[in-house]
C-alpha cells in the first residue's frame, strides 16, 4: 500500500505546559481509534494505515508522544524525573479524555508500534474505562528478557539513581545523535528495523530524522534514557500484563510480532504467548520491527478482522 505521511488534519494540544501535536482522519461520531508510534518515529509513521481504518468506519486519531515528532521535546530539567511509559501513558489517558471523548463518545481502540504498544498497555491498565481494545505490534521492554530485581534498600535505590543520572549526564548525546542522524548510520539503523529494502524510501527517512535533528532532541533523549532506566517495576511490561490479567472484564489484547524482528526477537513474543495464553497472538512471517508499515495490507486486515470479531462478541453479551 502506498502511504502519505501528511495524512489527516493537524492540531496542537497543550498538556501540562507541553505542546502536543496530533492529527485526525475520518467521519465524526464513529468508533474512535488512537494510533501510537514507536521510538524515534511519529504519527506520520501510520501513513499506510490511517486511511484504511478511516474507510473501515473509525474516527482515526494519532498523537506524537512528548519528545517525538512535532510535540515538545523537554530536557531532563523540564521533565523533572525524565520521560518513561508512565508519563506517556498519562499523556495518552489525558488525550483520550480531553480530545477524543469530546469529539467522539465511546471507548477508543489503541494500536501501538513498539514503544507505542507499551504506552497503549500502560494507558489501558491505568484507565481501562477509556479503552475498548489494545493492539501492540510488537511489545518491547527489557524486563521481558530477564527477571527484574526490586531494590528495597533506600540507600541502594539512591545510589542507583545517582549513578544512572551521572552516566547519562556525562554521555555525549549531543555528539552521538547528530553522528547517527546526519550520516549513513541512520540508514543502517533504519534498515535493521525492516526486512524489505528501505534505502530509497525518502519519506520514511524523513519521518525518523526530522524530529531527531531538532536542537532539543538530544536533551529529550537524555530525559528518556534516565526515565526508562529509573522507572519502577510496576511500570514494566510484565507487571502491567499481570495487572491487566487480574481485571474483571479485561480489555481484549492482540499482540502482533514480525518473525524476523531484529530489535525485539520473536522468542520474546513467543514467551509472552506461552505465559499468558489469554492474549491473542498473531505472527507476521516476513516482517521485522515495523509490521504496520512494512506489510501494511496484511497488518490492516489482521487488525480489522480481530476487532470485528471482538466487537461482535461484545454485542452478543449486551
Protein backbone atom coordinates (compact mmCIF):
# COMPACT_ATOMS: atom_id res chain seq x y z
CA UNK A 1 0.00 0.00 0.00
CA UNK A 2 1.21 3.48 -0.87
CA UNK A 3 1.35 5.83 2.08
CA UNK A 4 1.13 9.53 2.78
CA UNK A 5 2.95 10.84 5.84
CA UNK A 6 0.88 14.06 5.71
CA UNK A 7 -2.42 12.27 6.30
CA UNK A 8 -5.18 13.82 8.42
CA UNK A 9 -5.95 17.21 9.90
CA UNK A 10 -3.15 18.57 12.12
CA UNK A 11 -3.78 20.08 15.56
CA UNK A 12 -1.90 21.16 18.69
CA UNK A 13 -2.99 20.37 22.25
CA UNK A 14 -1.49 21.69 25.48
CA UNK A 15 -0.88 19.15 28.22
CA UNK A 16 0.90 20.15 31.43
CA UNK A 17 2.58 23.00 29.60
CA UNK A 18 3.81 20.83 26.72
CA UNK A 19 2.62 21.36 23.16
CA UNK A 20 1.48 18.05 21.72
CA UNK A 21 0.94 17.50 18.02
CA UNK A 22 -1.91 15.27 16.92
CA UNK A 23 -3.93 14.50 13.82
CA UNK A 24 -7.30 13.03 12.95
CA UNK A 25 -9.00 11.44 9.96
CA UNK A 26 -12.45 10.00 9.32
CA UNK A 27 -16.10 10.77 9.92
CA UNK A 28 -17.21 12.16 13.26
CA UNK A 29 -19.37 10.01 15.56
CA UNK A 30 -17.61 6.80 14.52
CA UNK A 31 -15.77 4.44 16.89
CA UNK A 32 -12.50 6.19 17.93
CA UNK A 33 -9.09 4.69 17.25
CA UNK A 34 -5.79 6.08 18.53
CA UNK A 35 -2.52 5.19 16.77
CA UNK A 36 0.69 5.39 18.83
CA UNK A 37 4.09 5.43 17.12
CA UNK A 38 7.30 3.71 18.14
CA UNK A 39 10.62 5.05 19.40
CA UNK A 40 12.15 7.63 17.06
CA UNK A 41 9.03 7.83 14.88
CA UNK A 42 5.89 9.98 14.90
CA UNK A 43 2.23 9.94 13.93
CA UNK A 44 3.41 10.18 10.30
CA UNK A 45 4.59 6.56 10.52
CA UNK A 46 0.94 5.45 10.25
CA UNK A 47 0.99 6.66 6.64
CA UNK A 48 -0.21 3.28 5.31
CA UNK A 49 -2.83 2.52 7.95
CA UNK A 50 -4.86 5.61 8.83
CA UNK A 51 -6.84 5.84 5.58
CA UNK A 52 -7.65 2.12 5.67
CA UNK A 53 -9.11 2.29 9.19
CA UNK A 54 -10.96 5.52 8.42
CA UNK A 55 -12.54 3.76 5.44
CA UNK A 56 -13.49 0.89 7.79
CA UNK A 57 -15.60 3.36 9.74
CA UNK A 58 -13.25 4.51 12.50
CA UNK A 59 -12.51 8.04 13.60
CA UNK A 60 -8.70 7.76 13.49
CA UNK A 61 -6.54 9.84 15.81
CA UNK A 62 -2.75 9.77 16.14
CA UNK A 63 -0.62 11.50 18.75
CA UNK A 64 3.05 12.49 18.77
CA UNK A 65 4.28 11.39 22.19
CA UNK A 66 6.23 14.00 24.14
CA UNK A 67 9.80 14.06 22.85
CA UNK A 68 8.88 12.84 19.36
CA UNK A 69 7.51 14.14 16.10
CA UNK A 70 6.28 17.71 16.30
CA UNK A 71 5.47 17.59 20.00
CA UNK A 72 7.68 19.39 22.54
CA UNK A 73 10.99 17.77 23.45
CA UNK A 74 11.60 18.55 27.14
CA UNK A 75 15.01 18.10 28.72
CA UNK A 76 15.59 16.28 31.99
CA UNK A 77 15.21 19.59 33.84
CA UNK A 78 11.82 20.40 32.28
CA UNK A 79 10.51 16.84 32.52
CA UNK A 80 11.62 16.62 36.17
CA UNK A 81 12.25 12.88 36.67
CA UNK A 82 12.59 12.05 32.99
CA UNK A 83 10.35 10.51 30.36
CA UNK A 84 9.02 6.97 30.55
CA UNK A 85 5.99 4.90 29.57
CA UNK A 86 4.12 6.07 32.69
CA UNK A 87 4.44 9.71 31.58
CA UNK A 88 3.45 8.85 28.01
CA UNK A 89 0.62 6.69 29.35
CA UNK A 90 -0.66 9.68 31.35
CA UNK A 91 -0.39 11.82 28.20
CA UNK A 92 -2.48 9.28 26.29
CA UNK A 93 -5.12 9.00 29.04
CA UNK A 94 -5.46 12.79 29.16
CA UNK A 95 -5.68 12.90 25.35
CA UNK A 96 -8.49 10.35 25.39
CA UNK A 97 -10.43 12.37 27.96
CA UNK A 98 -9.78 15.89 26.69
CA UNK A 99 -9.67 15.39 22.91
CA UNK A 100 -11.01 12.03 21.77
CA UNK A 101 -14.02 11.73 24.08
CA UNK A 102 -15.11 15.32 23.46
CA UNK A 103 -15.10 14.59 19.72
CA UNK A 104 -16.43 11.02 19.74
CA UNK A 105 -18.39 9.39 22.54
CA UNK A 106 -17.09 5.95 23.43
CA UNK A 107 -14.05 3.90 24.32
CA UNK A 108 -11.09 4.01 21.94
CA UNK A 109 -9.13 1.26 20.22
CA UNK A 110 -5.41 1.75 20.93
CA UNK A 111 -2.89 0.50 18.36
CA UNK A 112 0.80 0.91 19.10
CA UNK A 113 4.00 0.05 17.29
CA UNK A 114 6.90 -0.91 19.57
CA UNK A 115 7.16 1.79 22.27
CA UNK A 116 3.62 2.80 21.31
CA UNK A 117 2.47 -0.72 22.20
CA UNK A 118 3.99 -0.41 25.67
CA UNK A 119 2.37 3.01 26.10
CA UNK A 120 -1.00 1.64 24.94
CA UNK A 121 -0.74 -1.18 27.50
CA UNK A 122 0.19 1.33 30.22
CA UNK A 123 -2.77 3.60 29.41
CA UNK A 124 -5.13 0.63 29.33
CA UNK A 125 -4.07 -0.56 32.78
CA UNK A 126 -4.18 2.93 34.30
CA UNK A 127 -7.52 3.96 32.75
CA UNK A 128 -9.39 0.89 31.41
CA UNK A 129 -12.70 2.74 31.25
CA UNK A 130 -11.38 4.71 28.25
CA UNK A 131 -10.10 1.74 26.22
CA UNK A 132 -12.07 -0.70 24.06
CA UNK A 133 -9.19 -2.84 22.78
CA UNK A 134 -5.39 -2.81 22.51
CA UNK A 135 -3.11 -3.92 19.69
CA UNK A 136 0.65 -3.97 20.34
CA UNK A 137 2.96 -4.65 17.40
CA UNK A 138 5.28 -5.67 18.98
CA UNK A 139 5.69 -5.14 22.75
CA UNK A 140 9.23 -4.05 23.73
CA UNK A 141 10.59 -3.98 27.25
CA UNK A 142 13.98 -5.14 28.60
CA UNK A 143 12.09 -6.54 31.59
CA UNK A 144 10.58 -9.19 29.31
CA UNK A 145 14.05 -10.60 28.66
CA UNK A 146 15.06 -11.31 32.25
CA UNK A 147 13.98 -11.22 35.86
CA UNK A 148 13.73 -7.77 37.39
CA UNK A 149 15.29 -7.42 40.81
CA UNK A 150 13.47 -4.97 43.01
CA UNK A 151 15.83 -2.88 45.12
CA UNK A 152 14.25 -2.45 48.55
CA UNK A 153 17.08 -0.61 50.27
CA UNK A 154 16.61 3.16 50.12
CA UNK A 155 20.38 3.63 50.07
CA UNK A 156 20.81 1.29 47.09
CA UNK A 157 17.94 2.97 45.23
CA UNK A 158 19.54 6.35 45.89
CA UNK A 159 22.93 5.14 44.64
CA UNK A 160 21.40 3.54 41.55
CA UNK A 161 19.59 6.76 40.65
CA UNK A 162 22.74 8.85 41.15
CA UNK A 163 24.87 6.53 39.02
CA UNK A 164 22.34 6.46 36.18
CA UNK A 165 21.90 10.24 36.21
CA UNK A 166 25.66 10.84 36.23
CA UNK A 167 26.21 8.32 33.43
CA UNK A 168 23.63 9.89 31.09
CA UNK A 169 24.72 13.39 32.08
CA UNK A 170 28.28 12.59 31.04
CA UNK A 171 27.29 10.61 27.93
CA UNK A 172 27.86 12.99 24.98
CA UNK A 173 24.41 12.53 23.41
CA UNK A 174 24.73 15.95 21.74
CA UNK A 175 27.62 14.50 19.71
CA UNK A 176 26.30 10.95 19.26
CA UNK A 177 22.83 11.86 17.98
CA UNK A 178 23.99 14.05 15.05
CA UNK A 179 26.61 11.43 14.17
CA UNK A 180 23.82 8.89 13.73
CA UNK A 181 21.06 11.04 12.22
CA UNK A 182 23.17 13.05 9.78
CA UNK A 183 25.33 10.24 8.38
CA UNK A 184 24.87 6.88 6.66
CA UNK A 185 24.39 5.32 10.12
CA UNK A 186 20.73 6.35 10.25
CA UNK A 187 20.00 4.34 7.10
CA UNK A 188 21.78 1.36 8.62
CA UNK A 189 19.73 1.63 11.81
CA UNK A 190 16.51 2.09 9.86
CA UNK A 191 17.20 -0.90 7.64
CA UNK A 192 17.71 -3.04 10.75
CA UNK A 193 14.05 -2.44 11.62
CA UNK A 194 12.87 -3.74 8.26
CA UNK A 195 13.32 -6.91 6.20
CA UNK A 196 12.49 -5.30 2.86
CA UNK A 197 14.90 -2.74 1.41
CA UNK A 198 14.06 0.81 2.55
CA UNK A 199 17.15 2.71 1.45
CA UNK A 200 15.29 4.63 -1.25
CA UNK A 201 12.24 5.46 0.91
CA UNK A 202 12.89 9.19 1.43
CA UNK A 203 9.57 9.70 3.20
CA UNK A 204 10.43 7.06 5.80
CA UNK A 205 13.88 8.56 6.32
CA UNK A 206 12.29 11.96 6.87
CA UNK A 207 9.86 10.52 9.43
CA UNK A 208 12.70 9.30 11.66
CA UNK A 209 15.19 12.14 11.12
CA UNK A 210 13.09 15.31 11.23
CA UNK A 211 12.42 15.04 14.95
CA UNK A 212 15.88 13.69 15.81
CA UNK A 213 17.59 16.65 14.12
CA UNK A 214 15.79 19.29 16.17
CA UNK A 215 18.00 21.26 18.58
CA UNK A 216 16.07 19.95 21.59
CA UNK A 217 16.28 16.27 20.58
CA UNK A 218 19.46 15.38 22.50
CA UNK A 219 18.20 16.79 25.79
CA UNK A 220 14.91 14.97 25.37
CA UNK A 221 16.66 11.70 24.55
CA UNK A 222 18.66 12.05 27.77
CA UNK A 223 15.37 12.50 29.67
CA UNK A 224 14.07 9.28 28.08
CA UNK A 225 17.22 7.33 28.95
CA UNK A 226 17.02 8.42 32.58
CA UNK A 227 13.26 7.97 32.85
CA UNK A 228 13.14 4.47 31.36
CA UNK A 229 16.17 3.37 33.42
CA UNK A 230 14.69 4.56 36.72
CA UNK A 231 11.03 3.59 36.35
CA UNK A 232 9.56 1.31 38.99
CA UNK A 233 8.90 -2.39 38.45
CA UNK A 234 5.17 -1.64 38.39
CA UNK A 235 5.70 0.23 35.12
CA UNK A 236 7.35 -2.66 33.30
CA UNK A 237 5.52 -4.76 30.73
CA UNK A 238 5.48 -8.00 32.82
CA UNK A 239 3.81 -6.22 35.75
CA UNK A 240 1.39 -4.32 33.51
CA UNK A 241 0.32 -7.54 31.78
CA UNK A 242 -0.26 -9.16 35.17
CA UNK A 243 -2.33 -6.14 36.26
CA UNK A 244 -4.42 -6.40 33.10
CA UNK A 245 -4.83 -10.14 33.60
CA UNK A 246 -6.38 -9.58 37.03
CA UNK A 247 -9.02 -7.12 35.79
CA UNK A 248 -12.60 -8.30 35.58
CA UNK A 249 -13.84 -7.87 32.04
CA UNK A 250 -10.32 -7.11 30.89
CA UNK A 251 -9.77 -5.33 27.60
CA UNK A 252 -9.18 -7.54 24.52
CA UNK A 253 -5.47 -7.60 23.72
CA UNK A 254 -3.80 -8.53 20.42
CA UNK A 255 -0.05 -8.97 20.14
CA UNK A 256 1.44 -8.90 16.64
CA UNK A 257 5.05 -9.90 16.05
CA UNK A 258 7.25 -9.95 12.98
CA UNK A 259 9.07 -13.27 12.98
CA UNK A 260 12.19 -11.56 11.61
CA UNK A 261 12.25 -8.72 14.14
CA UNK A 262 15.90 -7.94 14.89
CA UNK A 263 15.19 -5.31 17.58
CA UNK A 264 12.88 -7.32 19.83
CA UNK A 265 13.39 -11.00 18.92
CA UNK A 266 10.43 -13.23 18.14
CA UNK A 267 11.22 -15.50 21.10
CA UNK A 268 10.18 -12.63 23.40
CA UNK A 269 6.72 -12.59 21.84
CA UNK A 270 6.58 -16.38 21.98
CA UNK A 271 7.44 -16.22 25.68
CA UNK A 272 4.55 -13.81 26.30
CA UNK A 273 2.16 -16.01 24.33
CA UNK A 274 3.05 -19.13 26.36
CA UNK A 275 2.99 -17.35 29.72
CA UNK A 276 -0.28 -15.52 29.01
CA UNK A 277 -2.41 -17.68 26.68
CA UNK A 278 -5.39 -15.32 27.04
CA UNK A 279 -3.51 -12.79 24.88
CA UNK A 280 -4.36 -13.12 21.20
CA UNK A 281 -1.16 -13.63 19.24
CA UNK A 282 -0.53 -13.17 15.52
CA UNK A 283 2.74 -13.78 13.67
CA UNK A 284 3.72 -11.92 10.50
CA UNK A 285 6.25 -14.19 8.88
CA UNK A 286 8.17 -11.86 6.56
CA UNK A 287 8.33 -8.63 8.55
CA UNK A 288 10.65 -7.02 11.06
CA UNK A 289 10.08 -4.48 13.81
CA UNK A 290 7.53 -2.31 11.97
CA UNK A 291 4.92 -4.73 10.57
CA UNK A 292 2.30 -1.98 10.25
CA UNK A 293 4.49 -0.15 7.73
CA UNK A 294 6.43 -2.99 6.11
CA UNK A 295 3.41 -5.19 5.32
CA UNK A 296 0.57 -2.74 5.84
CA UNK A 297 -2.05 -4.63 3.81
CA UNK A 298 -1.65 -7.78 5.89
CA UNK A 299 -1.38 -5.84 9.14
CA UNK A 300 -4.53 -3.82 8.43
CA UNK A 301 -6.52 -6.96 7.58
CA UNK A 302 -5.33 -8.84 10.68
CA UNK A 303 -6.27 -5.97 12.98
CA UNK A 304 -9.56 -5.24 11.22
CA UNK A 305 -10.75 -8.86 11.38
CA UNK A 306 -9.72 -9.20 15.03
CA UNK A 307 -11.54 -6.01 16.01
CA UNK A 308 -14.69 -7.05 14.14
CA UNK A 309 -14.73 -10.42 15.90
CA UNK A 310 -14.25 -8.88 19.34
CA UNK A 311 -16.87 -6.19 18.87
CA UNK A 312 -19.36 -8.80 17.66
CA UNK A 313 -18.66 -10.87 20.78
CA UNK A 314 -19.22 -7.81 22.94
CA UNK A 315 -22.53 -7.04 21.21
CA UNK A 316 -23.77 -10.58 21.84
CA UNK A 317 -23.09 -10.28 25.58
CA UNK A 318 -25.02 -7.00 25.89
